[in-house]
Amino acid sequence: MTHARYQRGFRKLIVWQEAHCLTKMIYKITVSFPKSEMYEMTKQLRNASSSIGAQIAEGSQMRTQPHRKLYYERAYSSASEVDNFLELSLDLNYLKEDEYKKLLHQVNKVSYLLQHLRDSPNA
């Protein structure tokens, strides 16, 4: 949990908090992926999931609405990338069905929040 004095800027955004949660989930679950996937699937999932939060953080600091929306769009695209790799991980039996469902629920939550943030007139 982030210390209270750091609850400013991007950290106050619920979408960033949920994206951060997703990234932590991805890091924990990919520890059990085959070692042969260390530089492939594991790296791809970790990079894509951490990119979501990074894009939200960076976008929240942009001065103009078009610039913020561009970063939120990139974060949304990274969430789609995570979704794709989760599906592939399930198909390759790297994830159990219940793990997949939890992760998919979280990525869908993040995507939903990003979509609304991106489309908000106050973004």
N, C-alpha and C. Protein backbone atom coordinates (compact mmCIF):
# COMPACT_ATOMS: atom_id res chain seq x y z
N MET A 1 0.84 -1.18 0.00
CA MET A 1 0.00 0.00 0.00
C MET A 1 0.89 1.25 0.00
N THR A 2 0.50 2.22 -0.76
CA THR A 2 1.25 3.45 -0.86
C THR A 2 1.02 4.30 0.38
N HIS A 3 2.09 4.86 0.91
CA HIS A 3 1.99 5.71 2.09
C HIS A 3 1.08 6.90 1.80
N ALA A 4 0.31 7.34 2.79
CA ALA A 4 -0.69 8.39 2.64
C ALA A 4 -0.11 9.69 2.08
N ARG A 5 1.11 10.04 2.45
CA ARG A 5 1.65 11.31 1.97
C ARG A 5 1.95 11.28 0.47
N TYR A 6 1.97 10.12 -0.11
CA TYR A 6 2.21 10.00 -1.54
C TYR A 6 0.92 9.82 -2.34
N GLN A 7 -0.19 10.08 -1.74
CA GLN A 7 -1.48 9.90 -2.41
C GLN A 7 -1.87 11.13 -3.23
N ARG A 8 -0.92 11.67 -3.96
CA ARG A 8 -1.19 12.80 -4.83
C ARG A 8 -0.86 12.41 -6.26
N GLY A 9 -1.19 13.28 -7.18
CA GLY A 9 -0.87 13.02 -8.58
C GLY A 9 -1.56 11.77 -9.09
N PHE A 10 -0.81 11.00 -9.88
CA PHE A 10 -1.38 9.81 -10.51
C PHE A 10 -1.83 8.77 -9.50
N ARG A 11 -1.22 8.73 -8.32
CA ARG A 11 -1.57 7.71 -7.31
C ARG A 11 -3.00 7.82 -6.83
N LYS A 12 -3.59 8.98 -6.95
CA LYS A 12 -4.97 9.15 -6.49
C LYS A 12 -5.98 8.62 -7.52
N LEU A 13 -5.52 8.35 -8.72
CA LEU A 13 -6.41 7.84 -9.78
C LEU A 13 -6.73 6.37 -9.52
N ILE A 14 -8.01 6.07 -9.44
CA ILE A 14 -8.43 4.69 -9.20
C ILE A 14 -7.92 3.78 -10.32
N VAL A 15 -7.93 4.28 -11.54
CA VAL A 15 -7.46 3.46 -12.66
C VAL A 15 -5.99 3.11 -12.49
N TRP A 16 -5.18 4.05 -12.00
CA TRP A 16 -3.77 3.73 -11.76
C TRP A 16 -3.63 2.69 -10.64
N GLN A 17 -4.43 2.85 -9.58
CA GLN A 17 -4.38 1.90 -8.47
C GLN A 17 -4.72 0.48 -8.94
N GLU A 18 -5.75 0.38 -9.78
CA GLU A 18 -6.16 -0.93 -10.31
C GLU A 18 -5.12 -1.49 -11.28
N ALA A 19 -4.51 -0.62 -12.08
CA ALA A 19 -3.46 -1.06 -13.00
C ALA A 19 -2.24 -1.54 -12.21
N HIS A 20 -1.93 -0.85 -11.13
CA HIS A 20 -0.81 -1.25 -10.27
C HIS A 20 -1.09 -2.62 -9.65
N CYS A 21 -2.31 -2.83 -9.22
CA CYS A 21 -2.73 -4.12 -8.68
C CYS A 21 -2.57 -5.22 -9.74
N LEU A 22 -3.00 -4.95 -10.96
CA LEU A 22 -2.86 -5.92 -12.05
C LEU A 22 -1.39 -6.27 -12.27
N THR A 23 -0.54 -5.27 -12.28
CA THR A 23 0.89 -5.52 -12.49
C THR A 23 1.46 -6.41 -11.40
N LYS A 24 1.10 -6.15 -10.16
CA LYS A 24 1.58 -6.99 -9.06
C LYS A 24 1.07 -8.42 -9.22
N MET A 25 -0.19 -8.57 -9.64
CA MET A 25 -0.74 -9.91 -9.87
C MET A 25 0.05 -10.63 -10.97
N ILE A 26 0.35 -9.92 -12.05
CA ILE A 26 1.09 -10.50 -13.18
C ILE A 26 2.49 -10.93 -12.72
N TYR A 27 3.17 -10.09 -11.98
CA TYR A 27 4.51 -10.44 -11.51
C TYR A 27 4.47 -11.69 -10.64
N LYS A 28 3.49 -11.78 -9.75
CA LYS A 28 3.39 -12.94 -8.86
C LYS A 28 3.08 -14.22 -9.62
N ILE A 29 2.16 -14.15 -10.57
CA ILE A 29 1.73 -15.36 -11.26
C ILE A 29 2.79 -15.84 -12.26
N THR A 30 3.54 -14.92 -12.87
CA THR A 30 4.52 -15.33 -13.87
C THR A 30 5.76 -15.98 -13.27
N VAL A 31 5.91 -15.91 -11.97
CA VAL A 31 7.01 -16.61 -11.30
C VAL A 31 6.91 -18.11 -11.57
N SER A 32 5.69 -18.61 -11.72
CA SER A 32 5.47 -20.05 -11.93
C SER A 32 5.52 -20.45 -13.41
N PHE A 33 5.70 -19.48 -14.31
CA PHE A 33 5.79 -19.82 -15.73
C PHE A 33 7.09 -20.59 -15.98
N PRO A 34 7.13 -21.40 -17.03
CA PRO A 34 8.35 -22.15 -17.34
C PRO A 34 9.56 -21.21 -17.49
N LYS A 35 10.69 -21.67 -17.02
CA LYS A 35 11.91 -20.86 -17.12
C LYS A 35 12.26 -20.56 -18.59
N SER A 36 11.85 -21.43 -19.49
CA SER A 36 12.10 -21.20 -20.91
C SER A 36 11.34 -19.98 -21.43
N GLU A 37 10.35 -19.51 -20.67
CA GLU A 37 9.56 -18.34 -21.07
C GLU A 37 10.04 -17.05 -20.42
N MET A 38 11.13 -17.13 -19.66
CA MET A 38 11.63 -15.96 -18.93
C MET A 38 11.79 -14.74 -19.82
N TYR A 39 12.32 -14.93 -21.02
CA TYR A 39 12.59 -13.81 -21.91
C TYR A 39 11.53 -13.68 -23.02
N GLU A 40 10.49 -14.43 -22.90
CA GLU A 40 9.41 -14.38 -23.89
C GLU A 40 8.11 -13.97 -23.21
N MET A 41 7.27 -14.96 -22.91
CA MET A 41 5.94 -14.69 -22.37
C MET A 41 6.01 -13.92 -21.05
N THR A 42 6.86 -14.35 -20.14
CA THR A 42 6.97 -13.68 -18.84
C THR A 42 7.34 -12.22 -19.03
N LYS A 43 8.34 -11.98 -19.84
CA LYS A 43 8.79 -10.60 -20.08
C LYS A 43 7.72 -9.77 -20.77
N GLN A 44 7.05 -10.35 -21.75
CA GLN A 44 6.00 -9.64 -22.47
C GLN A 44 4.85 -9.23 -21.55
N LEU A 45 4.41 -10.17 -20.73
CA LEU A 45 3.31 -9.87 -19.80
C LEU A 45 3.71 -8.82 -18.78
N ARG A 46 4.89 -8.95 -18.23
CA ARG A 46 5.35 -7.98 -17.24
C ARG A 46 5.52 -6.59 -17.85
N ASN A 47 6.12 -6.54 -19.02
CA ASN A 47 6.30 -5.24 -19.68
C ASN A 47 4.98 -4.58 -20.04
N ALA A 48 4.08 -5.36 -20.60
CA ALA A 48 2.79 -4.79 -21.00
C ALA A 48 1.99 -4.32 -19.79
N SER A 49 1.98 -5.11 -18.73
CA SER A 49 1.20 -4.72 -17.56
C SER A 49 1.81 -3.51 -16.86
N SER A 50 3.12 -3.46 -16.75
CA SER A 50 3.73 -2.29 -16.10
C SER A 50 3.62 -1.04 -16.97
N SER A 51 3.50 -1.23 -18.26
CA SER A 51 3.32 -0.10 -19.18
C SER A 51 1.98 0.60 -18.95
N ILE A 52 0.98 -0.14 -18.55
CA ILE A 52 -0.34 0.46 -18.31
C ILE A 52 -0.23 1.56 -17.25
N GLY A 53 0.30 1.19 -16.09
CA GLY A 53 0.43 2.17 -15.01
C GLY A 53 1.37 3.31 -15.37
N ALA A 54 2.45 3.00 -16.06
CA ALA A 54 3.41 4.03 -16.46
C ALA A 54 2.78 5.04 -17.41
N GLN A 55 1.98 4.55 -18.37
CA GLN A 55 1.32 5.45 -19.31
C GLN A 55 0.28 6.33 -18.61
N ILE A 56 -0.43 5.76 -17.64
CA ILE A 56 -1.41 6.54 -16.87
C ILE A 56 -0.68 7.62 -16.09
N ALA A 57 0.40 7.25 -15.41
CA ALA A 57 1.16 8.21 -14.62
C ALA A 57 1.69 9.34 -15.50
N GLU A 58 2.30 8.96 -16.61
CA GLU A 58 2.87 9.96 -17.51
C GLU A 58 1.78 10.84 -18.11
N GLY A 59 0.70 10.21 -18.55
CA GLY A 59 -0.40 10.97 -19.13
C GLY A 59 -1.03 11.96 -18.17
N SER A 60 -1.12 11.58 -16.92
CA SER A 60 -1.76 12.46 -15.94
C SER A 60 -0.98 13.76 -15.74
N GLN A 61 0.28 13.77 -16.14
CA GLN A 61 1.11 14.96 -15.99
C GLN A 61 1.15 15.84 -17.23
N MET A 62 0.50 15.39 -18.30
CA MET A 62 0.47 16.19 -19.52
C MET A 62 -0.43 17.41 -19.32
N ARG A 63 -0.04 18.52 -19.90
CA ARG A 63 -0.76 19.78 -19.69
C ARG A 63 -2.05 19.90 -20.50
N THR A 64 -2.10 19.24 -21.65
CA THR A 64 -3.29 19.41 -22.49
C THR A 64 -4.10 18.12 -22.56
N GLN A 65 -5.38 18.28 -22.75
CA GLN A 65 -6.29 17.13 -22.84
C GLN A 65 -5.91 16.18 -23.97
N PRO A 66 -5.59 16.68 -25.18
CA PRO A 66 -5.20 15.74 -26.24
C PRO A 66 -3.98 14.90 -25.88
N HIS A 67 -3.01 15.51 -25.20
CA HIS A 67 -1.83 14.76 -24.80
C HIS A 67 -2.18 13.72 -23.75
N ARG A 68 -3.00 14.07 -22.77
CA ARG A 68 -3.41 13.11 -21.75
C ARG A 68 -4.13 11.94 -22.39
N LYS A 69 -5.06 12.23 -23.29
CA LYS A 69 -5.84 11.18 -23.94
C LYS A 69 -4.95 10.22 -24.75
N LEU A 70 -3.90 10.75 -25.35
CA LEU A 70 -2.97 9.92 -26.11
C LEU A 70 -2.31 8.89 -25.19
N TYR A 71 -1.88 9.31 -24.03
CA TYR A 71 -1.25 8.38 -23.08
C TYR A 71 -2.27 7.37 -22.54
N TYR A 72 -3.49 7.82 -22.30
CA TYR A 72 -4.52 6.90 -21.80
C TYR A 72 -4.88 5.89 -22.89
N GLU A 73 -4.83 6.32 -24.14
CA GLU A 73 -5.07 5.39 -25.27
C GLU A 73 -3.96 4.35 -25.34
N ARG A 74 -2.73 4.76 -25.12
CA ARG A 74 -1.61 3.83 -25.11
C ARG A 74 -1.75 2.82 -23.96
N ALA A 75 -2.19 3.31 -22.81
CA ALA A 75 -2.40 2.42 -21.67
C ALA A 75 -3.48 1.40 -22.00
N TYR A 76 -4.54 1.85 -22.67
CA TYR A 76 -5.63 0.96 -23.07
C TYR A 76 -5.10 -0.11 -24.03
N SER A 77 -4.23 0.29 -24.94
CA SER A 77 -3.64 -0.66 -25.89
C SER A 77 -2.78 -1.69 -25.15
N SER A 78 -2.04 -1.24 -24.15
CA SER A 78 -1.23 -2.17 -23.36
C SER A 78 -2.11 -3.15 -22.60
N ALA A 79 -3.26 -2.71 -22.14
CA ALA A 79 -4.20 -3.61 -21.47
C ALA A 79 -4.68 -4.69 -22.44
N SER A 80 -4.90 -4.32 -23.69
CA SER A 80 -5.29 -5.30 -24.71
C SER A 80 -4.17 -6.30 -24.95
N GLU A 81 -2.94 -5.82 -24.91
CA GLU A 81 -1.79 -6.70 -25.07
C GLU A 81 -1.73 -7.71 -23.92
N VAL A 82 -1.96 -7.24 -22.70
CA VAL A 82 -2.00 -8.14 -21.54
C VAL A 82 -3.10 -9.18 -21.73
N ASP A 83 -4.26 -8.74 -22.15
CA ASP A 83 -5.39 -9.65 -22.38
C ASP A 83 -4.99 -10.74 -23.37
N ASN A 84 -4.34 -10.36 -24.46
CA ASN A 84 -3.90 -11.32 -25.46
C ASN A 84 -2.94 -12.35 -24.87
N PHE A 85 -1.95 -11.89 -24.12
CA PHE A 85 -0.97 -12.80 -23.55
C PHE A 85 -1.56 -13.68 -22.45
N LEU A 86 -2.56 -13.18 -21.75
CA LEU A 86 -3.24 -14.03 -20.76
C LEU A 86 -3.96 -15.18 -21.45
N GLU A 87 -4.62 -14.87 -22.55
CA GLU A 87 -5.32 -15.91 -23.32
C GLU A 87 -4.33 -16.97 -23.81
N LEU A 88 -3.21 -16.52 -24.34
CA LEU A 88 -2.19 -17.45 -24.82
C LEU A 88 -1.61 -18.26 -23.66
N SER A 89 -1.40 -17.62 -22.52
CA SER A 89 -0.88 -18.33 -21.35
C SER A 89 -1.84 -19.42 -20.88
N LEU A 90 -3.12 -19.15 -20.97
CA LEU A 90 -4.12 -20.17 -20.63
C LEU A 90 -4.06 -21.32 -21.63
N ASP A 91 -4.01 -20.97 -22.91
CA ASP A 91 -3.97 -22.00 -23.95
C ASP A 91 -2.74 -22.89 -23.84
N LEU A 92 -1.63 -22.33 -23.36
CA LEU A 92 -0.39 -23.09 -23.21
C LEU A 92 -0.28 -23.77 -21.84
N ASN A 93 -1.35 -23.67 -21.07
CA ASN A 93 -1.41 -24.26 -19.72
C ASN A 93 -0.40 -23.67 -18.74
N TYR A 94 -0.04 -22.41 -18.95
CA TYR A 94 0.81 -21.71 -17.99
C TYR A 94 -0.03 -21.15 -16.85
N LEU A 95 -1.32 -20.98 -17.12
CA LEU A 95 -2.27 -20.48 -16.12
C LEU A 95 -3.36 -21.51 -15.90
N LYS A 96 -3.81 -21.61 -14.67
CA LYS A 96 -4.99 -22.41 -14.36
C LYS A 96 -6.21 -21.55 -14.67
N GLU A 97 -7.32 -22.21 -14.89
CA GLU A 97 -8.56 -21.51 -15.25
C GLU A 97 -8.93 -20.44 -14.22
N ASP A 98 -8.84 -20.75 -12.94
CA ASP A 98 -9.22 -19.78 -11.91
C ASP A 98 -8.25 -18.60 -11.87
N GLU A 99 -6.96 -18.84 -12.10
CA GLU A 99 -5.98 -17.75 -12.16
C GLU A 99 -6.29 -16.84 -13.34
N TYR A 100 -6.57 -17.47 -14.47
CA TYR A 100 -6.91 -16.72 -15.68
C TYR A 100 -8.12 -15.84 -15.45
N LYS A 101 -9.15 -16.39 -14.83
CA LYS A 101 -10.38 -15.62 -14.60
C LYS A 101 -10.14 -14.41 -13.70
N LYS A 102 -9.33 -14.57 -12.67
CA LYS A 102 -9.00 -13.45 -11.77
C LYS A 102 -8.24 -12.36 -12.52
N LEU A 103 -7.26 -12.78 -13.30
CA LEU A 103 -6.47 -11.82 -14.06
C LEU A 103 -7.31 -11.15 -15.14
N LEU A 104 -8.14 -11.92 -15.81
CA LEU A 104 -8.99 -11.36 -16.84
C LEU A 104 -9.98 -10.35 -16.24
N HIS A 105 -10.53 -10.67 -15.09
CA HIS A 105 -11.42 -9.73 -14.40
C HIS A 105 -10.69 -8.41 -14.13
N GLN A 106 -9.46 -8.51 -13.66
CA GLN A 106 -8.69 -7.30 -13.33
C GLN A 106 -8.34 -6.51 -14.58
N VAL A 107 -7.92 -7.17 -15.64
CA VAL A 107 -7.58 -6.44 -16.87
C VAL A 107 -8.83 -5.81 -17.47
N ASN A 108 -9.97 -6.47 -17.36
CA ASN A 108 -11.22 -5.89 -17.86
C ASN A 108 -11.63 -4.68 -17.04
N LYS A 109 -11.41 -4.74 -15.73
CA LYS A 109 -11.71 -3.60 -14.87
C LYS A 109 -10.85 -2.40 -15.25
N VAL A 110 -9.56 -2.65 -15.43
CA VAL A 110 -8.63 -1.59 -15.82
C VAL A 110 -9.03 -1.01 -17.18
N SER A 111 -9.34 -1.88 -18.13
CA SER A 111 -9.73 -1.43 -19.47
C SER A 111 -10.99 -0.57 -19.42
N TYR A 112 -11.95 -1.00 -18.63
CA TYR A 112 -13.20 -0.25 -18.48
C TYR A 112 -12.92 1.15 -17.92
N LEU A 113 -12.12 1.21 -16.86
CA LEU A 113 -11.80 2.49 -16.24
C LEU A 113 -11.01 3.38 -17.20
N LEU A 114 -10.08 2.78 -17.94
CA LEU A 114 -9.30 3.55 -18.91
C LEU A 114 -10.18 4.10 -20.02
N GLN A 115 -11.10 3.30 -20.48
CA GLN A 115 -12.01 3.74 -21.54
C GLN A 115 -12.80 4.96 -21.08
N HIS A 116 -13.29 4.91 -19.85
CA HIS A 116 -14.05 6.05 -19.33
C HIS A 116 -13.17 7.26 -19.07
N LEU A 117 -11.97 7.04 -18.60
CA LEU A 117 -11.04 8.15 -18.39
C LEU A 117 -10.68 8.79 -19.73
N ARG A 118 -10.36 7.98 -20.69
CA ARG A 118 -9.98 8.46 -22.02
C ARG A 118 -11.11 9.26 -22.66
N ASP A 119 -12.34 8.80 -22.48
CA ASP A 119 -13.48 9.43 -23.11
C ASP A 119 -14.09 10.57 -22.30
N SER A 120 -13.57 10.78 -21.10
CA SER A 120 -14.09 11.83 -20.23
C SER A 120 -13.74 13.20 -20.78
N PRO A 121 -14.68 14.15 -20.73
CA PRO A 121 -14.37 15.51 -21.19
C PRO A 121 -13.35 16.20 -20.29
N ASN A 122 -13.14 15.68 -19.09
CA ASN A 122 -12.20 16.28 -18.15
C ASN A 122 -10.86 15.56 -18.11
N ALA A 123 -10.66 14.62 -19.03
CA ALA A 123 -9.41 13.82 -19.03
C ALA A 123 -8.20 14.70 -19.22
